[in-house]
């Protein structure tokens, strides 16, 4: 294969577009969560807990869904617990396991952030696409996620 052909490979363009789009959208959304005194990781964890049965996840599940290590998710949950947004609850059936549980204060804080967050998601992502494009993108992202990160599929879509 010619080096020029390698450099012009359309797969490089696709990955470059993905990285550029991700970086651009995250930069726009970051302004929203920062304005509400949260990090993107904080908001991600609160949203995942809010959408989980009983508003709770095992710490290991939250780690996978947020792409954090065990120690990273522990630090995140500790920080959110100090702010009163989550609680750590021991699993009575397995004392080695614990849950992160969204508190009422955490749910209220999330409810304050989400209108601004969703408006920004509409402005910088969802609202730029037709319903057909959005459906196709969601389906495509699910296929990639399920293949590249199958552990993330056990609670949230």
Protein backbone atom coordinates (compact mmCIF):
# COMPACT_ATOMS: atom_id res chain seq x y z
CA UNK A 1 0.00 0.00 0.00
CA UNK A 2 1.20 3.47 -0.93
CA UNK A 3 1.92 5.74 2.06
CA UNK A 4 -0.29 8.46 0.58
CA UNK A 5 -3.19 6.02 0.40
CA UNK A 6 -2.58 5.10 4.03
CA UNK A 7 -2.64 8.77 5.08
CA UNK A 8 -5.84 9.34 3.09
CA UNK A 9 -7.65 6.35 4.57
CA UNK A 10 -11.28 7.41 5.22
CA UNK A 11 -11.21 5.57 8.56
CA UNK A 12 -8.77 8.23 9.78
CA UNK A 13 -11.24 10.92 8.73
CA UNK A 14 -14.09 9.18 10.54
CA UNK A 15 -12.11 8.81 13.76
CA UNK A 16 -10.85 12.39 13.50
CA UNK A 17 -14.42 13.65 13.11
CA UNK A 18 -15.52 11.60 16.11
CA UNK A 19 -12.73 13.00 18.30
CA UNK A 20 -13.30 16.57 17.10
CA UNK A 21 -17.08 16.36 17.56
CA UNK A 22 -16.70 14.82 21.02
CA UNK A 23 -14.19 17.43 22.11
CA UNK A 24 -16.30 20.29 20.79
CA UNK A 25 -19.56 19.12 22.36
CA UNK A 26 -17.89 18.36 25.69
CA UNK A 27 -16.36 21.86 25.74
CA UNK A 28 -19.83 23.38 25.26
CA UNK A 29 -21.45 21.12 27.89
CA UNK A 30 -18.62 21.73 30.35
CA UNK A 31 -19.74 25.34 30.66
CA UNK A 32 -23.14 24.12 31.88
CA UNK A 33 -21.99 21.68 34.54
CA UNK A 34 -19.29 24.08 35.74
CA UNK A 35 -21.91 26.82 36.10
CA UNK A 36 -23.76 24.47 38.45
CA UNK A 37 -20.64 23.65 40.47
CA UNK A 38 -20.21 20.13 39.09
CA UNK A 39 -17.66 18.33 36.99
CA UNK A 40 -18.65 16.28 33.98
CA UNK A 41 -17.84 13.17 35.97
CA UNK A 42 -20.09 14.34 38.82
CA UNK A 43 -22.98 14.96 36.44
CA UNK A 44 -22.42 11.66 34.64
CA UNK A 45 -22.52 9.72 37.92
CA UNK A 46 -25.63 11.56 39.17
CA UNK A 47 -27.45 10.93 35.86
CA UNK A 48 -26.53 7.25 35.85
CA UNK A 49 -27.71 6.82 39.44
CA UNK A 50 -30.95 8.70 38.72
CA UNK A 51 -31.75 6.39 35.81
CA UNK A 52 -30.96 3.15 37.65
CA UNK A 53 -33.46 1.01 39.57
CA UNK A 54 -33.79 2.36 43.09
CA UNK A 55 -31.50 5.22 42.08
CA UNK A 56 -28.55 3.05 43.02
CA UNK A 57 -25.69 1.13 41.44
CA UNK A 58 -23.03 -1.16 42.80
CA UNK A 59 -19.78 0.74 43.02
CA UNK A 60 -18.27 -1.67 40.49
CA UNK A 61 -21.12 -0.98 38.03
CA UNK A 62 -20.71 2.76 38.46
CA UNK A 63 -16.97 2.39 37.85
CA UNK A 64 -17.56 0.58 34.56
CA UNK A 65 -20.25 3.00 33.40
CA UNK A 66 -18.07 6.03 34.15
CA UNK A 67 -14.86 4.39 32.87
CA UNK A 68 -13.19 4.83 36.25
CA UNK A 69 -10.94 2.51 38.21
CA UNK A 70 -12.14 1.14 41.53
CA UNK A 71 -10.15 3.77 43.40
CA UNK A 72 -11.34 6.50 41.01
CA UNK A 73 -15.00 5.71 41.59
CA UNK A 74 -14.35 5.58 45.33
CA UNK A 75 -12.91 9.11 45.23
CA UNK A 76 -15.84 10.30 43.09
CA UNK A 77 -18.46 8.81 45.42
CA UNK A 78 -16.63 10.13 48.48
CA UNK A 79 -16.65 13.65 46.98
CA UNK A 80 -20.34 13.42 46.05
CA UNK A 81 -21.15 12.02 49.51
CA UNK A 82 -19.37 14.94 51.20
CA UNK A 83 -21.61 17.24 49.14
CA UNK A 84 -24.66 15.25 50.29
CA UNK A 85 -25.54 14.17 46.74
CA UNK A 86 -25.00 10.42 47.19
CA UNK A 87 -24.69 7.92 50.01
CA UNK A 88 -22.69 4.76 50.18
CA UNK A 89 -24.74 1.77 51.30
CA UNK A 90 -23.25 -1.62 52.19
CA UNK A 91 -24.78 -4.65 50.52
CA UNK A 92 -26.29 -6.71 53.36
CA UNK A 93 -25.84 -9.89 51.31
CA UNK A 94 -22.17 -9.27 50.47
CA UNK A 95 -20.23 -7.17 52.94
CA UNK A 96 -17.42 -6.70 50.41
CA UNK A 97 -19.79 -4.87 48.08
CA UNK A 98 -21.31 -1.41 48.36
CA UNK A 99 -23.80 0.69 46.46
CA UNK A 100 -23.74 4.34 45.53
CA UNK A 101 -27.24 5.72 46.13
CA UNK A 102 -28.58 9.05 44.91
CA UNK A 103 -29.91 11.12 47.81
CA UNK A 104 -32.93 13.39 47.64
CA UNK A 105 -30.53 16.36 47.66
CA UNK A 106 -28.68 14.75 44.73
CA UNK A 107 -31.94 14.30 42.82
CA UNK A 108 -32.85 17.94 43.49
CA UNK A 109 -29.44 19.16 42.35
CA UNK A 110 -29.72 17.09 39.19
CA UNK A 111 -33.20 18.48 38.54
CA UNK A 112 -31.71 21.99 38.76
CA UNK A 113 -28.92 21.19 36.28
CA UNK A 114 -30.82 19.14 33.70
CA UNK A 115 -32.87 21.91 32.04
CA UNK A 116 -29.69 23.85 31.19
CA UNK A 117 -27.83 20.66 30.30
CA UNK A 118 -30.60 19.43 27.99
CA UNK A 119 -30.86 22.85 26.33
CA UNK A 120 -27.11 22.68 25.61
CA UNK A 121 -27.43 19.08 24.35
CA UNK A 122 -30.18 20.26 22.01
CA UNK A 123 -28.18 23.27 20.82
CA UNK A 124 -24.86 21.55 20.25
CA UNK A 125 -25.82 17.97 19.36
CA UNK A 126 -29.34 16.54 19.14
CA UNK A 127 -30.93 19.64 17.62
CA UNK A 128 -28.43 19.64 14.76
CA UNK A 129 -29.70 16.29 13.49
CA UNK A 130 -32.94 15.17 11.87
CA UNK A 131 -34.92 12.54 13.80
CA UNK A 132 -33.73 9.96 11.27
CA UNK A 133 -30.08 10.96 11.67
CA UNK A 134 -30.40 10.89 15.45
CA UNK A 135 -32.02 7.44 15.41
CA UNK A 136 -29.32 6.10 13.09
CA UNK A 137 -26.55 7.64 15.21
CA UNK A 138 -28.01 6.21 18.43
CA UNK A 139 -28.24 2.78 16.85
CA UNK A 140 -24.69 3.00 15.52
CA UNK A 141 -23.31 4.21 18.85
CA UNK A 142 -25.06 1.33 20.64
CA UNK A 143 -23.43 -1.18 18.29
CA UNK A 144 -19.98 0.33 18.87
CA UNK A 145 -20.50 0.63 22.64
CA UNK A 146 -21.82 -2.92 22.97
CA UNK A 147 -18.78 -4.26 21.10
CA UNK A 148 -16.05 -2.03 22.54
CA UNK A 149 -17.43 -1.73 26.10
CA UNK A 150 -19.99 -4.52 26.69
CA UNK A 151 -19.76 -4.15 30.49
CA UNK A 152 -21.40 -0.73 30.22
CA UNK A 153 -24.67 -2.22 28.93
CA UNK A 154 -25.92 -3.90 32.05
CA UNK A 155 -27.91 -1.00 33.49
CA UNK A 156 -28.21 1.99 31.24
CA UNK A 157 -28.88 2.69 27.59
